[in-house]
Each structure stands twice: as structure tokens, then as C-alpha cells.
Amino acid sequence: MAALRLAESAWQRGLNVDLPSLSALFWGNVGGSLGETCVPALLLGGIYLLWRGHIDWRIPAGYIGTVVVITAIYGWLREYPTWFAIYHLLSGGLIIGAFFMATDWVTSPITKKGRLIYALGLGILTALIRLRGGYVEGVCYSILIMNMVTPLIDRYVTNVPFGGGARHE
């Protein structure tokens, strides 16, 4: 992620920068924290958790989708290379955060609509921290912030029990 931040500042000055290839990022042939660089292994683990029913698809899909859409729009507005959003997807801890950290049963919302709101909040915060903040990796902070918001999401996004709708007097 730091390399992308340096490249972005060079692009703003009209310079050309050599970054690791997308295939090197995908296969994990780049430096990074333990467990966050090999995308196929992370995806296999995430698919296994989805298949076993341990996690809900709304959190990883909403989180990753939001980050990709926001970074794609940001890159398009700034006339960055077309692969700018894919680079954000493959570099850093987004995949491990989306499948293994954000889906924690204790700190994620209970309702389906709440999980989608949670995922959108995660994606927006991650993109804002990565693109406009002073810290290059926004995954950990966005998860911590949204974990604090989870009780509010659960409070205001509730399921109506069957037969327990509006009272008619």
C-alpha cells in the first residue's frame, strides 16, 4: 500500500513509477504482513467459510465492492491508470480483513440489513483512510470504528417478528 501512495504522489507530478505487477500481488510475491499477501489462499479460506455457513456473504461482498467502486471513481476522476482499483483490492489487508476480521460473530451486526450497512461503512472508511488519510492501510481502523458502531446498527435495524407488526387499535 505504501508503494501505491508513493506512486500516486508521483503520478500527480507527471512521473512514471514502476510498481509490483498485479500477478505478483495476486500470488503474494510481494512483501507484506504474514497472511495478507497470498490472495488465492485467502479466497479459498473465505470460500470455505462461506460454504460452511460460518460467515454471511454480505459483509465480504459489500466491503470489497464498496472499496473497489470508490477507488475506481477516485482513480477515474484523477485520471490514474485503469488498474488503480484492482491494485487497491490486491494490495494491503483488504481481503483478509473482509473475510476473516470483519465477519467476526461477536462484533458484526445480527441482521442481514445491518450486515450490509456495516460492510458499506467499512468500505467507505477504508477507502477514505487509504485515499485521503495519512495512514496507508485503513482496514484495521475501519474495522475498529465500525465495531464500535455495531450496537447502534443492531439497535436501529431490527427485524419485525412474525405477526408483530404495527399495532392496530
N, C-alpha and C. Protein backbone atom coordinates (compact mmCIF):
# COMPACT_ATOMS: atom_id res chain seq x y z
N MET A 1 0.81 -1.19 0.00
CA MET A 1 0.00 0.00 0.00
C MET A 1 0.86 1.26 0.00
N ALA A 2 1.98 1.21 0.71
CA ALA A 2 2.86 2.39 0.74
C ALA A 2 3.40 2.70 -0.64
N ALA A 3 3.69 1.64 -1.41
CA ALA A 3 4.19 1.86 -2.77
C ALA A 3 3.15 2.55 -3.63
N LEU A 4 1.89 2.20 -3.43
CA LEU A 4 0.82 2.84 -4.19
C LEU A 4 0.68 4.30 -3.80
N ARG A 5 0.86 4.61 -2.52
CA ARG A 5 0.80 6.01 -2.07
C ARG A 5 1.93 6.81 -2.71
N LEU A 6 3.13 6.24 -2.78
CA LEU A 6 4.26 6.93 -3.42
C LEU A 6 4.02 7.10 -4.91
N ALA A 7 3.46 6.06 -5.53
CA ALA A 7 3.16 6.15 -6.96
C ALA A 7 2.11 7.23 -7.23
N GLU A 8 1.12 7.32 -6.36
CA GLU A 8 0.08 8.33 -6.54
C GLU A 8 0.67 9.73 -6.47
N SER A 9 1.58 9.95 -5.54
CA SER A 9 2.19 11.29 -5.47
C SER A 9 3.07 11.55 -6.69
N ALA A 10 3.70 10.51 -7.23
CA ALA A 10 4.50 10.69 -8.45
C ALA A 10 3.60 10.95 -9.65
N TRP A 11 2.45 10.27 -9.74
CA TRP A 11 1.53 10.49 -10.86
C TRP A 11 1.01 11.92 -10.85
N GLN A 12 0.80 12.48 -9.67
CA GLN A 12 0.31 13.85 -9.58
C GLN A 12 1.32 14.84 -10.15
N ARG A 13 2.60 14.47 -10.11
CA ARG A 13 3.64 15.33 -10.68
C ARG A 13 4.00 14.95 -12.10
N GLY A 14 3.28 13.97 -12.67
CA GLY A 14 3.51 13.58 -14.05
C GLY A 14 4.66 12.60 -14.24
N LEU A 15 5.12 11.93 -13.19
CA LEU A 15 6.22 10.98 -13.28
C LEU A 15 5.68 9.56 -13.49
N ASN A 16 6.52 8.70 -14.03
CA ASN A 16 6.18 7.30 -14.22
C ASN A 16 6.85 6.48 -13.14
N VAL A 17 6.12 5.53 -12.55
CA VAL A 17 6.63 4.74 -11.44
C VAL A 17 6.44 3.26 -11.73
N ASP A 18 7.45 2.45 -11.40
CA ASP A 18 7.34 1.00 -11.52
C ASP A 18 6.82 0.42 -10.21
N LEU A 19 5.65 -0.21 -10.28
CA LEU A 19 5.05 -0.87 -9.13
C LEU A 19 5.07 -2.38 -9.35
N PRO A 20 4.91 -3.17 -8.29
CA PRO A 20 4.79 -4.61 -8.50
C PRO A 20 3.61 -4.93 -9.42
N SER A 21 3.76 -5.97 -10.21
CA SER A 21 2.70 -6.32 -11.16
C SER A 21 1.48 -6.84 -10.41
N LEU A 22 0.34 -6.83 -11.10
CA LEU A 22 -0.88 -7.35 -10.49
C LEU A 22 -0.78 -8.84 -10.22
N SER A 23 -0.08 -9.58 -11.08
CA SER A 23 0.08 -11.01 -10.83
C SER A 23 0.97 -11.26 -9.62
N ALA A 24 2.00 -10.43 -9.41
CA ALA A 24 2.83 -10.57 -8.21
C ALA A 24 2.01 -10.28 -6.96
N LEU A 25 1.12 -9.29 -7.03
CA LEU A 25 0.24 -9.00 -5.90
C LEU A 25 -0.73 -10.15 -5.65
N PHE A 26 -1.28 -10.71 -6.72
CA PHE A 26 -2.26 -11.79 -6.59
C PHE A 26 -1.63 -13.04 -5.96
N TRP A 27 -0.46 -13.42 -6.41
CA TRP A 27 0.17 -14.64 -5.92
C TRP A 27 0.96 -14.44 -4.64
N GLY A 28 1.11 -13.20 -4.18
CA GLY A 28 1.79 -12.96 -2.92
C GLY A 28 3.29 -12.83 -3.03
N ASN A 29 3.79 -12.50 -4.20
CA ASN A 29 5.23 -12.34 -4.40
C ASN A 29 5.69 -10.92 -4.09
N VAL A 30 5.14 -10.36 -3.05
CA VAL A 30 5.50 -9.02 -2.59
C VAL A 30 5.62 -9.06 -1.07
N GLY A 31 6.28 -8.08 -0.53
CA GLY A 31 6.41 -8.02 0.91
C GLY A 31 5.10 -7.61 1.56
N GLY A 32 4.90 -8.06 2.76
CA GLY A 32 3.69 -7.70 3.49
C GLY A 32 3.59 -8.47 4.78
N SER A 33 2.59 -8.17 5.55
CA SER A 33 2.39 -8.87 6.82
C SER A 33 2.04 -10.33 6.56
N LEU A 34 2.31 -11.14 7.55
CA LEU A 34 2.07 -12.57 7.44
C LEU A 34 0.60 -12.85 7.14
N GLY A 35 0.33 -13.56 6.07
CA GLY A 35 -1.02 -13.98 5.76
C GLY A 35 -1.85 -13.02 4.94
N GLU A 36 -1.36 -11.83 4.62
CA GLU A 36 -2.20 -10.90 3.88
C GLU A 36 -1.83 -10.78 2.41
N THR A 37 -0.78 -11.45 1.96
CA THR A 37 -0.33 -11.20 0.60
C THR A 37 -0.76 -12.25 -0.41
N CYS A 38 -1.05 -13.46 -0.03
CA CYS A 38 -1.41 -14.51 -1.00
C CYS A 38 -2.93 -14.55 -1.17
N VAL A 39 -3.42 -13.85 -2.17
CA VAL A 39 -4.85 -13.71 -2.38
C VAL A 39 -5.55 -15.05 -2.66
N PRO A 40 -4.98 -15.97 -3.46
CA PRO A 40 -5.69 -17.25 -3.68
C PRO A 40 -5.93 -18.02 -2.38
N ALA A 41 -4.96 -18.05 -1.50
CA ALA A 41 -5.15 -18.76 -0.23
C ALA A 41 -6.23 -18.09 0.61
N LEU A 42 -6.25 -16.77 0.64
CA LEU A 42 -7.27 -16.05 1.39
C LEU A 42 -8.65 -16.28 0.79
N LEU A 43 -8.75 -16.27 -0.53
CA LEU A 43 -10.04 -16.52 -1.17
C LEU A 43 -10.52 -17.94 -0.93
N LEU A 44 -9.62 -18.91 -0.97
CA LEU A 44 -10.01 -20.29 -0.68
C LEU A 44 -10.53 -20.41 0.75
N GLY A 45 -9.84 -19.78 1.69
CA GLY A 45 -10.30 -19.80 3.07
C GLY A 45 -11.64 -19.11 3.23
N GLY A 46 -11.83 -17.98 2.55
CA GLY A 46 -13.10 -17.26 2.60
C GLY A 46 -14.23 -18.06 1.99
N ILE A 47 -13.97 -18.69 0.85
CA ILE A 47 -14.99 -19.53 0.20
C ILE A 47 -15.36 -20.70 1.09
N TYR A 48 -14.37 -21.29 1.76
CA TYR A 48 -14.65 -22.38 2.69
C TYR A 48 -15.57 -21.92 3.83
N LEU A 49 -15.28 -20.75 4.40
CA LEU A 49 -16.13 -20.22 5.47
C LEU A 49 -17.54 -19.93 4.98
N LEU A 50 -17.66 -19.42 3.76
CA LEU A 50 -18.98 -19.19 3.18
C LEU A 50 -19.72 -20.50 2.95
N TRP A 51 -19.03 -21.49 2.41
CA TRP A 51 -19.62 -22.79 2.12
C TRP A 51 -20.10 -23.48 3.39
N ARG A 52 -19.34 -23.36 4.46
CA ARG A 52 -19.71 -23.97 5.73
C ARG A 52 -20.78 -23.17 6.48
N GLY A 53 -21.09 -21.98 6.02
CA GLY A 53 -22.10 -21.16 6.64
C GLY A 53 -21.63 -20.42 7.88
N HIS A 54 -20.32 -20.28 8.05
CA HIS A 54 -19.78 -19.59 9.22
C HIS A 54 -19.80 -18.08 9.07
N ILE A 55 -19.82 -17.60 7.84
CA ILE A 55 -19.88 -16.16 7.61
C ILE A 55 -20.99 -15.87 6.60
N ASP A 56 -21.49 -14.64 6.63
CA ASP A 56 -22.51 -14.20 5.70
C ASP A 56 -21.84 -13.49 4.53
N TRP A 57 -22.28 -13.75 3.32
CA TRP A 57 -21.65 -13.19 2.12
C TRP A 57 -21.77 -11.67 2.05
N ARG A 58 -22.73 -11.08 2.76
CA ARG A 58 -22.98 -9.65 2.65
C ARG A 58 -21.80 -8.80 3.13
N ILE A 59 -21.12 -9.25 4.17
CA ILE A 59 -20.02 -8.44 4.70
C ILE A 59 -18.83 -8.42 3.74
N PRO A 60 -18.27 -9.58 3.33
CA PRO A 60 -17.12 -9.50 2.41
C PRO A 60 -17.47 -8.88 1.06
N ALA A 61 -18.63 -9.24 0.51
CA ALA A 61 -19.01 -8.70 -0.82
C ALA A 61 -19.26 -7.21 -0.75
N GLY A 62 -19.99 -6.77 0.26
CA GLY A 62 -20.26 -5.34 0.40
C GLY A 62 -19.01 -4.54 0.68
N TYR A 63 -18.15 -5.08 1.52
CA TYR A 63 -16.90 -4.40 1.88
C TYR A 63 -15.98 -4.26 0.68
N ILE A 64 -15.69 -5.37 0.03
CA ILE A 64 -14.78 -5.35 -1.12
C ILE A 64 -15.38 -4.53 -2.26
N GLY A 65 -16.67 -4.72 -2.53
CA GLY A 65 -17.33 -3.98 -3.60
C GLY A 65 -17.31 -2.47 -3.37
N THR A 66 -17.54 -2.05 -2.14
CA THR A 66 -17.52 -0.61 -1.84
C THR A 66 -16.14 -0.02 -2.05
N VAL A 67 -15.11 -0.71 -1.59
CA VAL A 67 -13.74 -0.21 -1.76
C VAL A 67 -13.39 -0.12 -3.25
N VAL A 68 -13.74 -1.15 -4.01
CA VAL A 68 -13.42 -1.15 -5.44
C VAL A 68 -14.16 -0.02 -6.16
N VAL A 69 -15.43 0.19 -5.86
CA VAL A 69 -16.20 1.24 -6.54
C VAL A 69 -15.64 2.62 -6.19
N ILE A 70 -15.38 2.87 -4.91
CA ILE A 70 -14.88 4.20 -4.52
C ILE A 70 -13.49 4.46 -5.09
N THR A 71 -12.60 3.48 -5.04
CA THR A 71 -11.25 3.69 -5.59
C THR A 71 -11.29 3.80 -7.11
N ALA A 72 -12.21 3.10 -7.77
CA ALA A 72 -12.33 3.23 -9.23
C ALA A 72 -12.80 4.63 -9.61
N ILE A 73 -13.78 5.14 -8.90
CA ILE A 73 -14.26 6.50 -9.17
C ILE A 73 -13.16 7.52 -8.89
N TYR A 74 -12.46 7.35 -7.77
CA TYR A 74 -11.37 8.25 -7.41
C TYR A 74 -10.26 8.22 -8.48
N GLY A 75 -9.89 7.03 -8.91
CA GLY A 75 -8.87 6.90 -9.95
C GLY A 75 -9.30 7.48 -11.28
N TRP A 76 -10.59 7.30 -11.61
CA TRP A 76 -11.11 7.85 -12.86
C TRP A 76 -11.11 9.38 -12.82
N LEU A 77 -11.52 9.94 -11.69
CA LEU A 77 -11.55 11.40 -11.57
C LEU A 77 -10.15 12.01 -11.63
N ARG A 78 -9.18 11.30 -11.11
CA ARG A 78 -7.81 11.82 -11.10
C ARG A 78 -7.00 11.35 -12.32
N GLU A 79 -7.64 10.62 -13.20
CA GLU A 79 -7.01 10.11 -14.44
C GLU A 79 -5.80 9.23 -14.15
N TYR A 80 -5.94 8.37 -13.16
CA TYR A 80 -4.92 7.37 -12.85
C TYR A 80 -5.09 6.18 -13.78
N PRO A 81 -4.12 5.27 -13.80
CA PRO A 81 -4.27 4.08 -14.66
C PRO A 81 -5.54 3.30 -14.32
N THR A 82 -6.02 2.55 -15.30
CA THR A 82 -7.29 1.84 -15.14
C THR A 82 -7.23 0.75 -14.08
N TRP A 83 -6.07 0.25 -13.77
CA TRP A 83 -5.94 -0.82 -12.77
C TRP A 83 -5.81 -0.29 -11.35
N PHE A 84 -6.03 0.99 -11.12
CA PHE A 84 -5.89 1.60 -9.80
C PHE A 84 -6.76 0.91 -8.75
N ALA A 85 -8.02 0.63 -9.07
CA ALA A 85 -8.93 -0.01 -8.11
C ALA A 85 -8.53 -1.45 -7.85
N ILE A 86 -8.07 -2.16 -8.88
CA ILE A 86 -7.63 -3.55 -8.70
C ILE A 86 -6.39 -3.60 -7.82
N TYR A 87 -5.54 -2.62 -7.96
CA TYR A 87 -4.35 -2.54 -7.11
C TYR A 87 -4.76 -2.38 -5.65
N HIS A 88 -5.77 -1.56 -5.40
CA HIS A 88 -6.27 -1.39 -4.04
C HIS A 88 -6.87 -2.69 -3.51
N LEU A 89 -7.50 -3.44 -4.38
CA LEU A 89 -8.09 -4.71 -3.98
C LEU A 89 -7.03 -5.74 -3.59
N LEU A 90 -5.96 -5.82 -4.37
CA LEU A 90 -4.96 -6.87 -4.17
C LEU A 90 -3.86 -6.50 -3.19
N SER A 91 -3.64 -5.23 -2.97
CA SER A 91 -2.55 -4.84 -2.06
C SER A 91 -3.13 -4.50 -0.69
N GLY A 92 -2.35 -4.75 0.32
CA GLY A 92 -2.81 -4.45 1.67
C GLY A 92 -3.67 -5.56 2.24
N GLY A 93 -4.34 -5.27 3.32
CA GLY A 93 -5.08 -6.29 4.05
C GLY A 93 -6.55 -6.34 3.78
N LEU A 94 -7.01 -5.88 2.61
CA LEU A 94 -8.44 -5.82 2.34
C LEU A 94 -9.08 -7.21 2.31
N ILE A 95 -8.46 -8.16 1.64
CA ILE A 95 -9.06 -9.50 1.51
C ILE A 95 -9.11 -10.20 2.86
N ILE A 96 -8.01 -10.18 3.60
CA ILE A 96 -8.01 -10.83 4.91
C ILE A 96 -8.95 -10.12 5.87
N GLY A 97 -9.03 -8.81 5.77
CA GLY A 97 -9.95 -8.07 6.62
C GLY A 97 -11.40 -8.36 6.30
N ALA A 98 -11.72 -8.48 5.01
CA ALA A 98 -13.10 -8.69 4.59
C ALA A 98 -13.61 -10.08 4.97
N PHE A 99 -12.78 -11.10 4.80
CA PHE A 99 -13.23 -12.47 5.05
C PHE A 99 -13.02 -12.95 6.48
N PHE A 100 -11.97 -12.49 7.14
CA PHE A 100 -11.61 -13.09 8.42
C PHE A 100 -11.73 -12.15 9.62
N MET A 101 -11.64 -10.85 9.42
CA MET A 101 -11.70 -9.93 10.55
C MET A 101 -13.06 -9.25 10.68
N ALA A 102 -13.61 -8.80 9.60
CA ALA A 102 -14.88 -8.07 9.65
C ALA A 102 -16.06 -8.98 9.92
N THR A 103 -15.92 -10.28 9.67
CA THR A 103 -17.03 -11.21 9.83
C THR A 103 -17.05 -11.87 11.20
N ASP A 104 -16.31 -11.36 12.14
CA ASP A 104 -16.29 -11.91 13.49
C ASP A 104 -17.70 -11.91 14.07
N TRP A 105 -18.13 -13.03 14.60
CA TRP A 105 -19.50 -13.16 15.08
C TRP A 105 -19.83 -12.21 16.21
N VAL A 106 -18.87 -11.95 17.04
CA VAL A 106 -19.13 -11.13 18.23
C VAL A 106 -19.31 -9.66 17.88
N THR A 107 -18.58 -9.17 16.90
CA THR A 107 -18.57 -7.74 16.63
C THR A 107 -19.27 -7.34 15.33
N SER A 108 -19.87 -8.27 14.62
CA SER A 108 -20.60 -7.89 13.41
C SER A 108 -22.10 -7.87 13.71
N PRO A 109 -22.87 -7.10 12.96
CA PRO A 109 -24.31 -6.97 13.23
C PRO A 109 -25.06 -8.29 13.08
N ILE A 110 -26.24 -8.33 13.68
CA ILE A 110 -27.04 -9.55 13.71
C ILE A 110 -27.92 -9.68 12.47
N THR A 111 -28.53 -8.59 12.04
CA THR A 111 -29.49 -8.66 10.94
C THR A 111 -28.79 -8.59 9.58
N LYS A 112 -29.48 -9.05 8.56
CA LYS A 112 -28.92 -9.03 7.21
C LYS A 112 -28.75 -7.61 6.71
N LYS A 113 -29.74 -6.75 6.95
CA LYS A 113 -29.64 -5.36 6.54
C LYS A 113 -28.53 -4.65 7.32
N GLY A 114 -28.40 -4.99 8.59
CA GLY A 114 -27.33 -4.42 9.41
C GLY A 114 -25.96 -4.81 8.92
N ARG A 115 -25.81 -6.05 8.46
CA ARG A 115 -24.51 -6.51 7.92
C ARG A 115 -24.15 -5.75 6.65
N LEU A 116 -25.15 -5.46 5.83
CA LEU A 116 -24.89 -4.70 4.62
C LEU A 116 -24.49 -3.26 4.95
N ILE A 117 -25.17 -2.64 5.90
CA ILE A 117 -24.81 -1.29 6.34
C ILE A 117 -23.39 -1.29 6.91
N TYR A 118 -23.09 -2.29 7.72
CA TYR A 118 -21.77 -2.46 8.32
C TYR A 118 -20.69 -2.57 7.23
N ALA A 119 -20.96 -3.39 6.22
CA ALA A 119 -19.99 -3.58 5.13
C ALA A 119 -19.79 -2.30 4.33
N LEU A 120 -20.86 -1.58 4.06
CA LEU A 120 -20.73 -0.32 3.33
C LEU A 120 -19.93 0.69 4.15
N GLY A 121 -20.18 0.75 5.44
CA GLY A 121 -19.40 1.64 6.31
C GLY A 121 -17.93 1.27 6.33
N LEU A 122 -17.65 -0.04 6.38
CA LEU A 122 -16.26 -0.49 6.33
C LEU A 122 -15.58 -0.06 5.04
N GLY A 123 -16.27 -0.25 3.92
CA GLY A 123 -15.69 0.11 2.63
C GLY A 123 -15.45 1.60 2.49
N ILE A 124 -16.41 2.40 2.94
CA ILE A 124 -16.26 3.85 2.84
C ILE A 124 -15.10 4.32 3.71
N LEU A 125 -15.05 3.84 4.94
CA LEU A 125 -13.96 4.25 5.84
C LEU A 125 -12.60 3.80 5.33
N THR A 126 -12.51 2.56 4.86
CA THR A 126 -11.24 2.07 4.33
C THR A 126 -10.77 2.91 3.15
N ALA A 127 -11.67 3.19 2.22
CA ALA A 127 -11.30 3.99 1.05
C ALA A 127 -10.90 5.41 1.46
N LEU A 128 -11.64 6.01 2.38
CA LEU A 128 -11.29 7.37 2.83
C LEU A 128 -9.93 7.40 3.52
N ILE A 129 -9.67 6.43 4.37
CA ILE A 129 -8.38 6.40 5.07
C ILE A 129 -7.25 6.16 4.09
N ARG A 130 -7.46 5.23 3.14
CA ARG A 130 -6.40 4.94 2.17
C ARG A 130 -6.15 6.10 1.22
N LEU A 131 -7.20 6.73 0.74
CA LEU A 131 -7.06 7.74 -0.31
C LEU A 131 -6.77 9.13 0.23
N ARG A 132 -7.37 9.50 1.34
CA ARG A 132 -7.22 10.87 1.82
C ARG A 132 -6.55 10.98 3.19
N GLY A 133 -6.39 9.88 3.88
CA GLY A 133 -5.82 9.91 5.23
C GLY A 133 -4.30 9.86 5.20
N GLY A 134 -3.72 9.99 6.36
CA GLY A 134 -2.27 9.96 6.48
C GLY A 134 -1.73 8.56 6.71
N TYR A 135 -2.61 7.59 6.82
CA TYR A 135 -2.20 6.21 7.06
C TYR A 135 -2.54 5.40 5.83
N VAL A 136 -1.60 4.60 5.33
CA VAL A 136 -1.81 3.93 4.05
C VAL A 136 -2.74 2.73 4.13
N GLU A 137 -2.90 2.13 5.28
CA GLU A 137 -3.74 0.94 5.39
C GLU A 137 -4.91 1.24 6.31
N GLY A 138 -6.10 1.32 5.74
CA GLY A 138 -7.27 1.70 6.51
C GLY A 138 -8.12 0.56 7.01
N VAL A 139 -7.73 -0.69 6.70
CA VAL A 139 -8.58 -1.82 7.04
C VAL A 139 -8.75 -1.97 8.55
N CYS A 140 -7.65 -1.96 9.29
CA CYS A 140 -7.74 -2.19 10.73
C CYS A 140 -8.53 -1.08 11.42
N TYR A 141 -8.30 0.16 11.05
CA TYR A 141 -9.02 1.25 11.69
C TYR A 141 -10.50 1.25 11.31
N SER A 142 -10.81 0.94 10.08
CA SER A 142 -12.21 0.93 9.69
C SER A 142 -12.97 -0.18 10.42
N ILE A 143 -12.33 -1.33 10.60
CA ILE A 143 -12.98 -2.42 11.33
C ILE A 143 -13.19 -2.03 12.79
N LEU A 144 -12.19 -1.41 13.40
CA LEU A 144 -12.34 -0.98 14.79
C LEU A 144 -13.45 0.07 14.95
N ILE A 145 -13.49 1.02 14.04
CA ILE A 145 -14.52 2.07 14.12
C ILE A 145 -15.91 1.48 13.91
N MET A 146 -16.06 0.63 12.91
CA MET A 146 -17.38 0.05 12.66
C MET A 146 -17.78 -0.95 13.74
N ASN A 147 -16.82 -1.59 14.42
CA ASN A 147 -17.16 -2.44 15.55
C ASN A 147 -17.78 -1.62 16.68
N MET A 148 -17.32 -0.38 16.81
CA MET A 148 -17.93 0.49 17.83
C MET A 148 -19.34 0.92 17.43
N VAL A 149 -19.61 0.97 16.13
CA VAL A 149 -20.91 1.40 15.65
C VAL A 149 -21.91 0.24 15.59
N THR A 150 -21.43 -0.98 15.65
CA THR A 150 -22.29 -2.16 15.52
C THR A 150 -23.48 -2.16 16.49
N PRO A 151 -23.32 -1.82 17.78
CA PRO A 151 -24.50 -1.80 18.64
C PRO A 151 -25.58 -0.81 18.17
N LEU A 152 -25.17 0.31 17.60
CA LEU A 152 -26.15 1.26 17.06
C LEU A 152 -26.87 0.69 15.84
N ILE A 153 -26.10 0.02 14.99
CA ILE A 153 -26.71 -0.62 13.82
C ILE A 153 -27.73 -1.65 14.28
N ASP A 154 -27.34 -2.49 15.24
CA ASP A 154 -28.26 -3.52 15.74
C ASP A 154 -29.49 -2.91 16.40
N ARG A 155 -29.32 -1.77 17.03
CA ARG A 155 -30.45 -1.13 17.73
C ARG A 155 -31.47 -0.57 16.74
N TYR A 156 -30.99 0.07 15.68
CA TYR A 156 -31.91 0.76 14.76
C TYR A 156 -32.32 -0.06 13.55
N VAL A 157 -31.65 -1.17 13.31
CA VAL A 157 -32.02 -2.05 12.20
C VAL A 157 -32.45 -3.38 12.82
N THR A 158 -33.73 -3.49 13.11
CA THR A 158 -34.22 -4.69 13.76
C THR A 158 -35.22 -5.40 12.87
N ASN A 159 -35.33 -6.68 13.07
CA ASN A 159 -36.33 -7.46 12.34
C ASN A 159 -37.66 -7.35 13.07
N VAL A 160 -38.73 -7.29 12.32
CA VAL A 160 -40.07 -7.30 12.90
C VAL A 160 -40.47 -8.77 13.07
N PRO A 161 -40.80 -9.19 14.28
CA PRO A 161 -41.20 -10.58 14.47
C PRO A 161 -42.47 -10.91 13.68
N PHE A 162 -42.59 -12.16 13.27
CA PHE A 162 -43.75 -12.59 12.51
C PHE A 162 -45.00 -12.34 13.33
N GLY A 163 -45.94 -11.62 12.77
CA GLY A 163 -47.18 -11.30 13.46
C GLY A 163 -47.02 -10.14 14.44
N GLY A 164 -45.87 -9.53 14.51
CA GLY A 164 -45.64 -8.46 15.48
C GLY A 164 -45.46 -7.13 14.83
N GLY A 165 -46.11 -6.89 13.72
CA GLY A 165 -46.01 -5.62 13.02
C GLY A 165 -46.67 -4.49 13.79
N ALA A 166 -47.11 -3.51 13.06
CA ALA A 166 -47.75 -2.32 13.68
C ALA A 166 -49.03 -2.72 14.40
N ARG A 167 -49.26 -2.10 15.53
CA ARG A 167 -50.48 -2.39 16.28
C ARG A 167 -51.66 -1.62 15.71
N HIS A 168 -52.77 -2.30 15.60
CA HIS A 168 -54.00 -1.66 15.13
C HIS A 168 -54.94 -1.55 16.32
N GLU A 169 -55.33 -0.37 16.65
CA GLU A 169 -56.21 -0.18 17.81
C GLU A 169 -57.61 0.15 17.40
